[in-house]
Every structure is written in structure tokens, then in C-alpha cells.
PDB file of N, CA and C in Angstrom:
ATOM      1  N   MET A   1     -43.486 -20.940  83.549  1.00  0.00           N
ATOM      2  CA  MET A   1     -45.077 -20.427  85.016  1.00  0.00           C
ATOM      3  C   MET A   1     -44.404 -18.608  84.941  1.00  0.00           C
ATOM      4  N   GLU A   2     -42.452 -19.565  85.044  1.00  0.00           N
ATOM      5  CA  GLU A   2     -41.990 -18.791  86.057  1.00  0.00           C
ATOM      6  C   GLU A   2     -42.385 -16.986  84.754  1.00  0.00           C
ATOM      7  N   ASN A   3     -41.997 -17.565  83.381  1.00  0.00           N
ATOM      8  CA  ASN A   3     -41.961 -16.154  82.721  1.00  0.00           C
ATOM      9  C   ASN A   3     -42.964 -15.183  82.331  1.00  0.00           C
ATOM     10  N   THR A   4     -44.774 -15.864  82.777  1.00  0.00           N
ATOM     11  CA  THR A   4     -46.008 -15.801  83.057  1.00  0.00           C
ATOM     12  C   THR A   4     -45.875 -14.472  83.947  1.00  0.00           C
ATOM     13  N   LYS A   5     -45.030 -14.669  84.893  1.00  0.00           N
ATOM     14  CA  LYS A   5     -44.901 -13.670  86.476  1.00  0.00           C
ATOM     15  C   LYS A   5     -44.485 -12.085  85.790  1.00  0.00           C
ATOM     16  N   GLU A   6     -42.868 -13.058  85.280  1.00  0.00           N
ATOM     17  CA  GLU A   6     -42.557 -11.875  85.123  1.00  0.00           C
ATOM     18  C   GLU A   6     -42.859 -10.782  83.534  1.00  0.00           C
ATOM     19  N   LYS A   7     -43.497 -11.064  82.881  1.00  0.00           N
ATOM     20  CA  LYS A   7     -44.170 -10.565  82.079  1.00  0.00           C
ATOM     21  C   LYS A   7     -45.319  -9.918  82.424  1.00  0.00           C
ATOM     22  N   ILE A   8     -46.232 -10.487  83.523  1.00  0.00           N
ATOM     23  CA  ILE A   8     -47.184  -9.205  83.905  1.00  0.00           C
ATOM     24  C   ILE A   8     -45.925  -8.256  85.443  1.00  0.00           C
ATOM     25  N   LEU A   9     -45.150  -8.571  85.978  1.00  0.00           N
ATOM     26  CA  LEU A   9     -44.121  -7.747  85.870  1.00  0.00           C
ATOM     27  C   LEU A   9     -44.077  -6.392  85.393  1.00  0.00           C
ATOM     28  N   GLU A  10     -43.258  -7.083  84.265  1.00  0.00           N
ATOM     29  CA  GLU A  10     -42.851  -6.364  83.059  1.00  0.00           C
ATOM     30  C   GLU A  10     -44.013  -4.823  82.881  1.00  0.00           C
ATOM     31  N   VAL A  11     -44.566  -5.400  82.335  1.00  0.00           N
ATOM     32  CA  VAL A  11     -45.726  -5.437  81.789  1.00  0.00           C
ATOM     33  C   VAL A  11     -46.768  -4.118  82.792  1.00  0.00           C
ATOM     34  N   ALA A  12     -46.583  -4.094  83.623  1.00  0.00           N
ATOM     35  CA  ALA A  12     -47.444  -3.615  85.187  1.00  0.00           C
ATOM     36  C   ALA A  12     -46.357  -2.041  85.613  1.00  0.00           C
ATOM     37  N   THR A  13     -44.735  -2.941  85.951  1.00  0.00           N
ATOM     38  CA  THR A  13     -43.486  -1.454  85.309  1.00  0.00           C
ATOM     39  C   THR A  13     -44.237  -0.575  84.736  1.00  0.00           C
ATOM     40  N   ASN A  14     -44.407  -1.147  83.568  1.00  0.00           N
ATOM     41  CA  ASN A  14     -45.012  -0.131  82.594  1.00  0.00           C
ATOM     42  C   ASN A  14     -45.494   1.097  83.159  1.00  0.00           C
ATOM     43  N   LEU A  15     -46.628   0.132  83.056  1.00  0.00           N
ATOM     44  CA  LEU A  15     -47.769   0.762  83.117  1.00  0.00           C
ATOM     45  C   LEU A  15     -47.932   2.159  84.618  1.00  0.00           C
ATOM     46  N   PHE A  16     -47.213   1.370  85.535  1.00  0.00           N
ATOM     47  CA  PHE A  16     -47.105   2.342  87.185  1.00  0.00           C
ATOM     48  C   PHE A  16     -45.892   3.273  86.466  1.00  0.00           C
ATOM     49  N   LEU A  17     -45.164   3.140  85.988  1.00  0.00           N
ATOM     50  CA  LEU A  17     -44.450   4.310  85.808  1.00  0.00           C
ATOM     51  C   LEU A  17     -45.190   5.662  84.438  1.00  0.00           C
ATOM     52  N   THR A  18     -46.004   5.168  83.508  1.00  0.00           N
ATOM     53  CA  THR A  18     -46.570   5.405  82.648  1.00  0.00           C
ATOM     54  C   THR A  18     -47.730   6.578  83.463  1.00  0.00           C
ATOM     55  N   LYS A  19     -48.327   5.249  84.220  1.00  0.00           N
ATOM     56  CA  LYS A  19     -50.040   6.078  84.879  1.00  0.00           C
ATOM     57  C   LYS A  19     -49.539   6.142  85.632  1.00  0.00           C
ATOM     58  N   GLY A  20     -49.042   5.946  86.745  1.00  0.00           N
ATOM     59  CA  GLY A  20     -48.984   5.772  87.767  1.00  0.00           C
ATOM     60  C   GLY A  20     -49.414   4.888  89.087  1.00  0.00           C
ATOM     61  N   TYR A  21     -49.063   4.267  90.136  1.00  0.00           N
ATOM     62  CA  TYR A  21     -50.084   3.239  90.669  1.00  0.00           C
ATOM     63  C   TYR A  21     -51.348   3.739  90.187  1.00  0.00           C
ATOM     64  N   GLU A  22     -52.221   5.003  91.036  1.00  0.00           N
ATOM     65  CA  GLU A  22     -54.023   4.897  91.683  1.00  0.00           C
ATOM     66  C   GLU A  22     -54.350   4.502  89.935  1.00  0.00           C
ATOM     67  N   GLN A  23     -53.087   4.890  89.262  1.00  0.00           N
ATOM     68  CA  GLN A  23     -54.427   5.293  87.871  1.00  0.00           C
ATOM     69  C   GLN A  23     -54.393   3.607  87.305  1.00  0.00           C
ATOM     70  N   THR A  24     -53.457   3.621  87.267  1.00  0.00           N
ATOM     71  CA  THR A  24     -53.593   1.634  87.037  1.00  0.00           C
ATOM     72  C   THR A  24     -54.457   0.627  86.718  1.00  0.00           C
ATOM     73  N   THR A  25     -54.715  -0.018  86.670  1.00  0.00           N
ATOM     74  CA  THR A  25     -55.974  -1.166  87.036  1.00  0.00           C
ATOM     75  C   THR A  25     -55.594  -2.371  86.465  1.00  0.00           C
ATOM     76  N   ILE A  26     -56.199  -3.270  86.797  1.00  0.00           N
ATOM     77  CA  ILE A  26     -55.749  -5.079  87.077  1.00  0.00           C
ATOM     78  C   ILE A  26     -56.695  -4.904  85.209  1.00  0.00           C
ATOM     79  N   SER A  27     -56.897  -4.331  85.256  1.00  0.00           N
ATOM     80  CA  SER A  27     -57.822  -4.778  83.363  1.00  0.00           C
ATOM     81  C   SER A  27     -56.512  -3.854  82.631  1.00  0.00           C
ATOM     82  N   ASP A  28     -55.859  -3.082  82.392  1.00  0.00           N
ATOM     83  CA  ASP A  28     -55.142  -2.166  82.064  1.00  0.00           C
ATOM     84  C   ASP A  28     -53.660  -3.802  82.138  1.00  0.00           C
ATOM     85  N   ILE A  29     -53.406  -4.217  83.477  1.00  0.00           N
ATOM     86  CA  ILE A  29     -52.405  -4.716  83.270  1.00  0.00           C
ATOM     87  C   ILE A  29     -52.919  -6.118  82.028  1.00  0.00           C
ATOM     88  N   ILE A  30     -54.126  -6.859  82.454  1.00  0.00           N
ATOM     89  CA  ILE A  30     -54.429  -7.602  81.621  1.00  0.00           C
ATOM     90  C   ILE A  30     -54.213  -7.385  80.443  1.00  0.00           C
ATOM     91  N   ASN A  31     -55.166  -6.376  80.064  1.00  0.00           N
ATOM     92  CA  ASN A  31     -54.379  -5.731  78.016  1.00  0.00           C
ATOM     93  C   ASN A  31     -53.312  -5.614  77.648  1.00  0.00           C
ATOM     94  N   GLY A  32     -52.255  -5.669  78.866  1.00  0.00           N
ATOM     95  CA  GLY A  32     -51.092  -5.574  78.057  1.00  0.00           C
ATOM     96  C   GLY A  32     -49.778  -6.874  78.565  1.00  0.00           C
ATOM     97  N   LEU A  33     -51.380  -7.847  78.288  1.00  0.00           N
ATOM     98  CA  LEU A  33     -50.692  -9.631  78.471  1.00  0.00           C
ATOM     99  C   LEU A  33     -51.288 -10.033  77.538  1.00  0.00           C
ATOM    100  N   ASN A  34     -51.096  -9.716  75.589  1.00  0.00           N
ATOM    101  CA  ASN A  34     -50.757 -10.534  74.513  1.00  0.00           C
ATOM    102  C   ASN A  34     -52.345 -11.831  75.121  1.00  0.00           C
ATOM    103  N   GLY A  35     -52.985 -11.814  75.743  1.00  0.00           N
ATOM    104  CA  GLY A  35     -54.691 -12.674  75.786  1.00  0.00           C
ATOM    105  C   GLY A  35     -54.099 -13.718  76.866  1.00  0.00           C
ATOM    106  N   LEU A  36     -53.055 -13.031  77.885  1.00  0.00           N
ATOM    107  CA  LEU A  36     -53.350 -14.173  79.712  1.00  0.00           C
ATOM    108  C   LEU A  36     -54.605 -12.926  80.620  1.00  0.00           C
ATOM    109  N   THR A  37     -55.494 -13.892  80.886  1.00  0.00           N
ATOM    110  CA  THR A  37     -56.472 -13.649  81.397  1.00  0.00           C
ATOM    111  C   THR A  37     -56.235 -13.205  83.354  1.00  0.00           C
ATOM    112  N   LYS A  38     -57.496 -12.270  83.772  1.00  0.00           N
ATOM    113  CA  LYS A  38     -56.981 -12.174  84.920  1.00  0.00           C
ATOM    114  C   LYS A  38     -56.817 -13.484  86.239  1.00  0.00           C
ATOM    115  N   GLY A  39     -57.350 -14.439  85.227  1.00  0.00           N
ATOM    116  CA  GLY A  39     -56.155 -15.749  86.420  1.00  0.00           C
ATOM    117  C   GLY A  39     -55.563 -16.005  86.485  1.00  0.00           C
ATOM    118  N   ALA A  40     -55.276 -16.169  85.347  1.00  0.00           N
ATOM    119  CA  ALA A  40     -53.305 -15.753  85.032  1.00  0.00           C
ATOM    120  C   ALA A  40     -52.831 -15.133  86.263  1.00  0.00           C
ATOM    121  N   ILE A  41     -52.964 -13.611  86.485  1.00  0.00           N
ATOM    122  CA  ILE A  41     -52.593 -12.640  86.838  1.00  0.00           C
ATOM    123  C   ILE A  41     -53.355 -12.937  88.751  1.00  0.00           C
ATOM    124  N   TYR A  42     -54.474 -13.257  89.127  1.00  0.00           N
ATOM    125  CA  TYR A  42     -54.514 -13.782  90.485  1.00  0.00           C
ATOM    126  C   TYR A  42     -54.338 -15.312  90.777  1.00  0.00           C
ATOM    127  N   HIS A  43     -53.870 -15.894  89.342  1.00  0.00           N
ATOM    128  CA  HIS A  43     -52.171 -17.280  90.313  1.00  0.00           C
ATOM    129  C   HIS A  43     -51.219 -17.276  90.661  1.00  0.00           C
ATOM    130  N   HIS A  44     -50.537 -15.707  90.535  1.00  0.00           N
ATOM    131  CA  HIS A  44     -49.089 -15.171  90.202  1.00  0.00           C
ATOM    132  C   HIS A  44     -49.296 -14.137  92.009  1.00  0.00           C
ATOM    133  N   PHE A  45     -50.664 -13.439  91.728  1.00  0.00           N
ATOM    134  CA  PHE A  45     -50.206 -12.345  93.218  1.00  0.00           C
ATOM    135  C   PHE A  45     -51.757 -12.276  93.497  1.00  0.00           C
ATOM    136  N   GLU A  46     -51.929 -12.025  94.612  1.00  0.00           N
ATOM    137  CA  GLU A  46     -53.205 -11.752  95.301  1.00  0.00           C
ATOM    138  C   GLU A  46     -54.122 -10.577  94.798  1.00  0.00           C
ATOM    139  N   SER A  47     -53.290  -8.954  95.012  1.00  0.00           N
ATOM    140  CA  SER A  47     -53.736  -8.009  93.883  1.00  0.00           C
ATOM    141  C   SER A  47     -53.034  -7.060  93.544  1.00  0.00           C
ATOM    142  N   LYS A  48     -53.379  -5.707  92.753  1.00  0.00           N
ATOM    143  CA  LYS A  48     -52.455  -4.853  92.312  1.00  0.00           C
ATOM    144  C   LYS A  48     -51.505  -3.934  93.261  1.00  0.00           C
ATOM    145  N   GLU A  49     -51.806  -3.842  94.531  1.00  0.00           N
ATOM    146  CA  GLU A  49     -50.599  -4.326  95.236  1.00  0.00           C
ATOM    147  C   GLU A  49     -49.858  -4.583  95.690  1.00  0.00           C
ATOM    148  N   ASP A  50     -49.997  -6.334  95.596  1.00  0.00           N
ATOM    149  CA  ASP A  50     -48.777  -7.294  95.311  1.00  0.00           C
ATOM    150  C   ASP A  50     -47.852  -6.693  94.305  1.00  0.00           C
ATOM    151  N   ILE A  51     -48.613  -6.865  93.116  1.00  0.00           N
ATOM    152  CA  ILE A  51     -47.969  -7.317  92.059  1.00  0.00           C
ATOM    153  C   ILE A  51     -46.677  -5.340  92.486  1.00  0.00           C
ATOM    154  N   PHE A  52     -47.701  -4.640  92.678  1.00  0.00           N
ATOM    155  CA  PHE A  52     -46.623  -4.011  92.909  1.00  0.00           C
ATOM    156  C   PHE A  52     -45.645  -3.540  94.345  1.00  0.00           C
ATOM    157  N   GLU A  53     -45.693  -4.221  94.919  1.00  0.00           N
ATOM    158  CA  GLU A  53     -44.597  -4.364  95.920  1.00  0.00           C
ATOM    159  C   GLU A  53     -43.142  -5.219  95.398  1.00  0.00           C
ATOM    160  N   ALA A  54     -44.233  -6.472  94.096  1.00  0.00           N
ATOM    161  CA  ALA A  54     -43.066  -7.410  94.043  1.00  0.00           C
ATOM    162  C   ALA A  54     -42.171  -6.307  92.674  1.00  0.00           C
ATOM    163  N   VAL A  55     -42.891  -5.047  92.412  1.00  0.00           N
ATOM    164  CA  VAL A  55     -42.410  -4.640  90.923  1.00  0.00           C
ATOM    165  C   VAL A  55     -41.331  -3.945  91.825  1.00  0.00           C
ATOM    166  N   VAL A  56     -41.354  -3.462  93.314  1.00  0.00           N
ATOM    167  CA  VAL A  56     -40.540  -2.674  94.149  1.00  0.00           C
ATOM    168  C   VAL A  56     -39.823  -3.207  94.322  1.00  0.00           C
ATOM    169  N   LYS A  57     -39.736  -4.437  94.997  1.00  0.00           N
ATOM    170  CA  LYS A  57     -38.396  -5.799  94.934  1.00  0.00           C
ATOM    171  C   LYS A  57     -37.546  -5.987  93.654  1.00  0.00           C
ATOM    172  N   ASN A  58     -38.094  -5.809  93.191  1.00  0.00           N
ATOM    173  CA  ASN A  58     -37.185  -5.770  92.154  1.00  0.00           C
ATOM    174  C   ASN A  58     -36.568  -5.079  91.484  1.00  0.00           C
ATOM    175  N   ILE A  59     -37.085  -3.627  91.194  1.00  0.00           N
ATOM    176  CA  ILE A  59     -36.255  -2.341  91.407  1.00  0.00           C
ATOM    177  C   ILE A  59     -35.269  -2.278  91.411  1.00  0.00           C
ATOM    178  N   GLY A  60     -35.386  -2.529  93.010  1.00  0.00           N
ATOM    179  CA  GLY A  60     -34.446  -2.498  94.941  1.00  0.00           C
ATOM    180  C   GLY A  60     -33.376  -3.778  94.599  1.00  0.00           C
ATOM    181  N   LEU A  61     -34.386  -4.751  93.767  1.00  0.00           N
ATOM    182  CA  LEU A  61     -32.645  -5.471  93.335  1.00  0.00           C
ATOM    183  C   LEU A  61     -31.356  -4.949  92.028  1.00  0.00           C
ATOM    184  N   GLN A  62     -32.548  -5.312  90.804  1.00  0.00           N
ATOM    185  CA  GLN A  62     -31.674  -4.172  90.034  1.00  0.00           C
ATOM    186  C   GLN A  62     -30.915  -2.957  90.520  1.00  0.00           C
ATOM    187  N   ASN A  63     -31.582  -2.088  90.912  1.00  0.00           N
ATOM    188  CA  ASN A  63     -30.354  -1.086  91.233  1.00  0.00           C
ATOM    189  C   ASN A  63     -28.772  -1.717  92.379  1.00  0.00           C
ATOM    190  N   LYS A  64     -29.571  -3.060  93.364  1.00  0.00           N
ATOM    191  CA  LYS A  64     -28.527  -3.492  94.329  1.00  0.00           C
ATOM    192  C   LYS A  64     -27.727  -4.638  92.917  1.00  0.00           C
ATOM    193  N   LEU A  65     -27.459  -4.629  91.897  1.00  0.00           N
ATOM    194  CA  LEU A  65     -26.493  -5.881  91.031  1.00  0.00           C
ATOM    195  C   LEU A  65     -26.435  -4.402  90.117  1.00  0.00           C
ATOM    196  N   ILE A  66     -26.606  -2.932  89.875  1.00  0.00           N
ATOM    197  CA  ILE A  66     -26.327  -2.314  89.152  1.00  0.00           C
ATOM    198  C   ILE A  66     -25.001  -1.471  90.102  1.00  0.00           C
ATOM    199  N   PHE A  67     -25.040  -1.673  91.322  1.00  0.00           N
ATOM    200  CA  PHE A  67     -24.648  -1.270  91.963  1.00  0.00           C
ATOM    201  C   PHE A  67     -23.115  -1.563  93.080  1.00  0.00           C
ATOM    202  N   LYS A  68     -23.272  -2.948  92.661  1.00  0.00           N
ATOM    203  CA  LYS A  68     -22.402  -4.637  92.878  1.00  0.00           C
ATOM    204  C   LYS A  68     -21.363  -3.761  91.460  1.00  0.00           C
ATOM    205  N   THR A  69     -22.023  -4.356  90.239  1.00  0.00           N
ATOM    206  CA  THR A  69     -21.315  -4.097  89.686  1.00  0.00           C
ATOM    207  C   THR A  69     -20.355  -2.967  89.241  1.00  0.00           C
ATOM    208  N   ASN A  70     -21.372  -1.868  89.363  1.00  0.00           N
ATOM    209  CA  ASN A  70     -19.925  -0.182  89.270  1.00  0.00           C
ATOM    210  C   ASN A  70     -19.149  -0.120  90.736  1.00  0.00           C
ATOM    211  N   ALA A  71     -19.258  -0.712  91.736  1.00  0.00           N
ATOM    212  CA  ALA A  71     -18.627  -1.095  93.387  1.00  0.00           C
ATOM    213  C   ALA A  71     -17.091  -1.487  92.137  1.00  0.00           C
ATOM    214  N   ARG A  72     -17.614  -2.460  91.459  1.00  0.00           N
ATOM    215  CA  ARG A  72     -16.275  -4.065  91.206  1.00  0.00           C
ATOM    216  C   ARG A  72     -15.433  -3.400  89.913  1.00  0.00           C
ATOM    217  N   THR A  73     -16.262  -2.512  89.041  1.00  0.00           N
ATOM    218  CA  THR A  73     -15.505  -2.082  88.137  1.00  0.00           C
ATOM    219  C   THR A  73     -15.253  -0.642  88.278  1.00  0.00           C
ATOM    220  N   HIS A  74     -15.262   0.167  89.677  1.00  0.00           N
ATOM    221  CA  HIS A  74     -14.106   1.534  90.429  1.00  0.00           C
ATOM    222  C   HIS A  74     -13.313   1.377  91.206  1.00  0.00           C
ATOM    223  N   ASN A  75     -13.545   0.125  92.101  1.00  0.00           N
ATOM    224  CA  ASN A  75     -12.233  -0.623  93.012  1.00  0.00           C
ATOM    225  C   ASN A  75     -11.609  -1.661  92.722  1.00  0.00           C
ATOM    226  N   PRO A  76     -10.857  -1.884  91.866  1.00  0.00           N
ATOM    227  CA  PRO A  76     -10.771  -2.873  91.537  1.00  0.00           C
ATOM    228  C   PRO A  76      -9.729  -3.784  92.852  1.00  0.00           C
TER     229      PRO A  76
END
């Protein structure tokens, strides 16, 4: 189940970065999911905006981890 959510976020992230939020549709995301259905998306997310918010949150968490790792390596 978690892998499905991660895959949705991965595909959506790439689409939002390449096409932009406005130009990306739920159909675009489905097309990148290799056989997953619209139902699978809506099982995890309520809307495209909900997916976008999760993408932004993930990017923020990744940046936070990178910052912490860099701080530890540069400030022993």
C-alpha cells in the first residue's frame, strides 16, 4: 500500500516539475503509473491539490534531511 502512495508521489513530482501544476492532470499521473487506476489514486489522495501538498511536504522533508546531514559533516 505504501509503495503505491510513494509511486504516485514520484510520478506526480516529476510531472509537476516538468509540466507545472496547472498543466498536469490526474490522467497524466495515472498514465505514468503503469496500470494503476484512478481508484488507486483516490484511495490515497482526495484531489490533485492533495497530491501536490504531499509532494511539497516530501520535498521539504528531503531538504531538511539534507541540511541536517550537511550540518553534521561540516560541524563535527
